[in-house]
Amino acid sequence: MKKKQDRIFSILNSKSIPYEVVDIAQCVASKDLMREMAGNPTALPPQICNGDTYCGDFDSFEAAIEAEQLEEFLKI
């Protein structure tokens, strides 16, 4: 999980895309919200959202990078 998070941070930093990290280990409500937004009661981090809009999981993020559609994936 840490490697996936670092990969996301690295890509977002390289493209100067601002982001906020939410540590679900510190707050059960944050974990519940992440799973609700993902529409999956067993979703695991990292999950990516743009505000209140769910974008996808790590695999979807990687697919968007490969397809050169990161901005569309992130809804920016």
Protein backbone atom coordinates (compact mmCIF):
# COMPACT_ATOMS: atom_id res chain seq x y z
CA MET A 1 0.00 0.00 0.00
CA LYS A 2 2.82 2.41 0.84
CA LYS A 3 4.41 1.94 -2.59
CA LYS A 4 1.09 2.63 -4.29
CA GLN A 5 0.60 5.77 -2.24
CA ASP A 6 4.13 6.95 -3.00
CA ARG A 7 3.52 6.36 -6.72
CA ILE A 8 0.35 8.48 -6.62
CA PHE A 9 2.10 11.26 -4.68
CA SER A 10 5.04 11.20 -7.08
CA ILE A 11 2.83 11.55 -10.16
CA LEU A 12 0.68 14.29 -8.65
CA ASN A 13 3.75 16.21 -7.44
CA SER A 14 5.47 15.92 -10.82
CA LYS A 15 2.41 17.42 -12.48
CA SER A 16 1.95 20.08 -9.77
CA ILE A 17 -1.52 18.78 -8.97
CA PRO A 18 -2.51 19.73 -5.41
CA TYR A 19 -3.93 16.99 -3.19
CA GLU A 20 -4.93 16.24 0.36
CA VAL A 21 -3.99 13.00 2.08
CA VAL A 22 -6.59 11.43 4.36
CA ASP A 23 -5.19 8.89 6.81
CA ILE A 24 -8.00 6.39 7.38
CA ALA A 25 -5.97 4.63 10.07
CA GLN A 26 -6.52 7.61 12.37
CA CYS A 27 -10.29 7.85 11.97
CA VAL A 28 -12.87 5.12 11.49
CA ALA A 29 -15.31 7.66 10.03
CA SER A 30 -12.79 8.47 7.27
CA LYS A 31 -12.48 4.77 6.40
CA ASP A 32 -16.25 4.41 6.29
CA LEU A 33 -16.55 7.50 4.09
CA MET A 34 -13.86 6.18 1.71
CA ARG A 35 -15.72 2.90 1.33
CA GLU A 36 -19.05 4.67 0.88
CA MET A 37 -17.60 6.93 -1.83
CA ALA A 38 -16.03 3.92 -3.57
CA GLY A 39 -19.34 2.07 -3.41
CA ASN A 40 -17.54 -0.94 -1.98
CA PRO A 41 -17.82 -1.93 1.70
CA THR A 42 -14.46 -3.74 1.53
CA ALA A 43 -12.48 -1.16 -0.52
CA LEU A 44 -8.86 -0.81 0.51
CA PRO A 45 -6.67 2.28 0.21
CA PRO A 46 -5.51 4.03 -1.75
CA GLN A 47 -8.74 5.36 -3.25
CA ILE A 48 -8.74 8.64 -5.16
CA CYS A 49 -11.38 11.35 -4.96
CA ASN A 50 -11.64 14.89 -6.22
CA GLY A 51 -13.51 16.60 -3.42
CA ASP A 52 -16.76 14.69 -3.03
CA THR A 53 -16.37 12.99 -6.42
CA TYR A 54 -14.97 9.47 -6.48
CA CYS A 55 -12.36 8.98 -9.22
CA GLY A 56 -11.19 5.40 -8.71
CA ASP A 57 -8.67 3.07 -7.15
CA PHE A 58 -4.96 2.65 -7.74
CA ASP A 59 -5.39 0.31 -10.71
CA SER A 60 -7.70 2.82 -12.40
CA PHE A 61 -5.15 5.56 -11.67
CA GLU A 62 -2.38 3.54 -13.33
CA ALA A 63 -4.62 2.78 -16.33
CA ALA A 64 -5.35 6.49 -16.74
CA ILE A 65 -1.63 7.28 -16.71
CA GLU A 66 -0.94 4.60 -19.33
CA ALA A 67 -3.76 5.96 -21.52
CA GLU A 68 -2.54 9.55 -20.97
CA GLN A 69 -5.94 10.43 -19.49
CA LEU A 70 -4.94 11.42 -15.98
CA GLU A 71 -6.75 14.77 -16.05
CA GLU A 72 -9.97 13.08 -17.17
CA PHE A 73 -9.57 10.43 -14.47
CA LEU A 74 -9.04 13.10 -11.82
CA LYS A 75 -11.92 15.15 -13.22
CA ILE A 76 -9.83 18.32 -13.47
